[in-house]
């Protein structure tokens, strides 16, 4: 007997991305033999001041994604993408700490998903095997800022 899928209606989040844009994108891709490339990923983050206006908190979040790819100790890829997102939330005035934490994790994760798609699509359009950023567990990383 096939189990019926469970259905649910998710509630809207109090946290939302207002907009985003790619501030910088650099792609250096050398012809690589085969598809096995050892990638090293480095992320950098920058958080704007939290402001409060009309009952909402807002802040900008910047994520830099740096990827180096090597084949047998020879660098074949060097990619850097910097993406900026603006986020806001309607929460109680005394919950600025909550907004700060949500920006640091959910905001960065949303930007990382967009950067991942941008890098994969751009590299595929350049005629190389698409570069895919691996899944990252940001809850295991201490994010400062």
Protein backbone atom coordinates (compact mmCIF):
# COMPACT_ATOMS: atom_id res chain seq x y z
CA UNK A 1 0.00 0.00 0.00
CA UNK A 2 1.36 3.41 -0.98
CA UNK A 3 1.49 5.92 1.81
CA UNK A 4 -0.28 9.19 1.02
CA UNK A 5 1.93 12.27 1.16
CA UNK A 6 1.36 14.54 4.10
CA UNK A 7 0.11 17.97 3.08
CA UNK A 8 0.53 21.18 4.97
CA UNK A 9 0.24 24.90 4.38
CA UNK A 10 3.35 26.73 5.53
CA UNK A 11 2.86 30.03 7.28
CA UNK A 12 4.54 33.13 5.93
CA UNK A 13 7.76 34.05 7.62
CA UNK A 14 8.16 37.36 9.44
CA UNK A 15 11.56 37.59 7.69
CA UNK A 16 11.84 38.52 4.02
CA UNK A 17 14.38 39.44 1.39
CA UNK A 18 13.49 42.82 -0.10
CA UNK A 19 15.99 42.62 -2.97
CA UNK A 20 19.45 41.43 -3.93
CA UNK A 21 22.08 42.14 -6.54
CA UNK A 22 25.45 40.80 -7.61
CA UNK A 23 28.01 43.46 -6.68
CA UNK A 24 31.03 41.70 -8.18
CA UNK A 25 31.70 38.58 -10.23
CA UNK A 26 35.12 37.36 -11.37
CA UNK A 27 35.64 34.09 -13.21
CA UNK A 28 39.08 32.77 -14.12
CA UNK A 29 38.71 29.38 -15.75
CA UNK A 30 41.58 27.45 -17.26
CA UNK A 31 40.91 24.48 -19.54
CA UNK A 32 40.72 21.41 -17.31
CA UNK A 33 41.11 17.79 -18.36
CA UNK A 34 38.17 15.73 -17.15
CA UNK A 35 35.60 16.76 -14.58
CA UNK A 36 37.46 15.95 -11.34
CA UNK A 37 38.49 19.22 -9.78
CA UNK A 38 39.25 19.62 -6.09
CA UNK A 39 37.38 22.73 -4.92
CA UNK A 40 38.07 24.82 -1.86
CA UNK A 41 35.28 27.13 -0.72
CA UNK A 42 35.70 30.24 1.40
CA UNK A 43 32.84 32.48 2.49
CA UNK A 44 33.04 36.01 3.87
CA UNK A 45 30.18 37.98 5.34
CA UNK A 46 29.47 41.59 6.13
CA UNK A 47 26.43 42.90 7.97
CA UNK A 48 25.03 46.40 7.74
CA UNK A 49 23.60 48.31 10.69
CA UNK A 50 20.20 47.19 11.88
CA UNK A 51 17.67 49.98 11.48
CA UNK A 52 14.09 50.25 12.65
CA UNK A 53 11.49 52.10 10.60
CA UNK A 54 7.69 51.87 10.46
CA UNK A 55 7.60 48.88 12.79
CA UNK A 56 10.15 46.83 10.82
CA UNK A 57 13.80 45.98 11.31
CA UNK A 58 15.99 46.09 8.21
CA UNK A 59 19.61 45.48 7.31
CA UNK A 60 21.85 44.69 4.39
CA UNK A 61 23.88 41.49 4.26
CA UNK A 62 26.84 40.93 1.95
CA UNK A 63 28.18 37.49 1.11
CA UNK A 64 31.46 36.89 -0.70
CA UNK A 65 31.98 33.44 -2.20
CA UNK A 66 35.51 32.46 -3.22
CA UNK A 67 36.12 29.14 -4.97
CA UNK A 68 39.49 27.77 -6.01
CA UNK A 69 39.65 24.62 -8.10
CA UNK A 70 42.78 22.52 -8.54
CA UNK A 71 43.70 19.49 -10.59
CA UNK A 72 46.88 17.74 -9.41
CA UNK A 73 48.12 20.87 -7.60
CA UNK A 74 47.51 23.09 -10.66
CA UNK A 75 44.95 25.83 -10.19
CA UNK A 76 42.33 25.65 -12.95
CA UNK A 77 39.48 27.74 -11.51
CA UNK A 78 39.36 30.90 -9.44
CA UNK A 79 35.89 32.33 -8.92
CA UNK A 80 34.74 35.19 -6.74
CA UNK A 81 31.15 36.40 -6.41
CA UNK A 82 29.95 39.12 -4.05
CA UNK A 83 26.20 39.39 -3.52
CA UNK A 84 24.29 41.91 -1.42
CA UNK A 85 20.80 41.36 -0.07
CA UNK A 86 18.48 43.63 1.85
CA UNK A 87 16.28 42.02 4.46
CA UNK A 88 13.49 43.14 6.74
CA UNK A 89 11.19 41.72 9.38
CA UNK A 90 8.10 42.84 11.24
CA UNK A 91 8.80 41.78 14.79
CA UNK A 92 8.49 43.34 18.20
CA UNK A 93 10.88 46.17 18.98
CA UNK A 94 12.61 44.22 21.76
CA UNK A 95 13.53 41.37 19.37
CA UNK A 96 16.49 42.99 17.63
CA UNK A 97 18.67 40.06 18.74
CA UNK A 98 16.30 37.64 17.01
CA UNK A 99 16.45 39.67 13.79
CA UNK A 100 20.27 39.74 14.04
CA UNK A 101 20.45 35.93 14.33
CA UNK A 102 17.94 35.36 11.53
CA UNK A 103 19.93 37.66 9.21
CA UNK A 104 23.17 35.90 10.05
CA UNK A 105 21.85 32.46 9.19
CA UNK A 106 18.72 32.68 7.02
CA UNK A 107 19.92 35.80 5.21
CA UNK A 108 23.31 34.29 4.40
CA UNK A 109 21.73 30.98 3.39
CA UNK A 110 19.34 32.73 0.98
CA UNK A 111 22.24 34.62 -0.58
CA UNK A 112 24.31 31.44 -0.81
CA UNK A 113 21.51 29.68 -2.70
CA UNK A 114 21.36 32.56 -5.20
CA UNK A 115 25.17 32.65 -5.54
CA UNK A 116 25.21 28.86 -6.05
CA UNK A 117 22.71 29.12 -8.90
CA UNK A 118 24.50 32.11 -10.45
CA UNK A 119 27.90 30.37 -10.41
CA UNK A 120 26.55 27.07 -11.79
CA UNK A 121 24.63 28.81 -14.58
CA UNK A 122 27.45 31.17 -15.51
CA UNK A 123 30.12 28.46 -15.64
CA UNK A 124 27.82 26.21 -17.71
CA UNK A 125 27.26 29.08 -20.17
CA UNK A 126 31.04 29.50 -20.42
CA UNK A 127 31.28 25.99 -21.81
CA UNK A 128 32.84 24.28 -18.80
CA UNK A 129 31.41 21.71 -16.45
CA UNK A 130 29.08 23.66 -14.09
CA UNK A 131 30.77 24.57 -10.82
CA UNK A 132 28.47 23.60 -7.96
CA UNK A 133 28.97 25.01 -4.48
CA UNK A 134 28.52 22.15 -2.01
CA UNK A 135 25.75 22.28 0.56
CA UNK A 136 26.92 24.15 3.66
CA UNK A 137 25.66 23.82 7.22
CA UNK A 138 25.93 27.38 8.52
CA UNK A 139 24.68 26.35 11.96
CA UNK A 140 28.07 24.64 12.46
CA UNK A 141 29.93 27.88 11.71
CA UNK A 142 30.39 30.80 14.07
CA UNK A 143 29.31 33.87 12.13
CA UNK A 144 30.68 37.13 13.44
CA UNK A 145 29.57 40.60 12.61
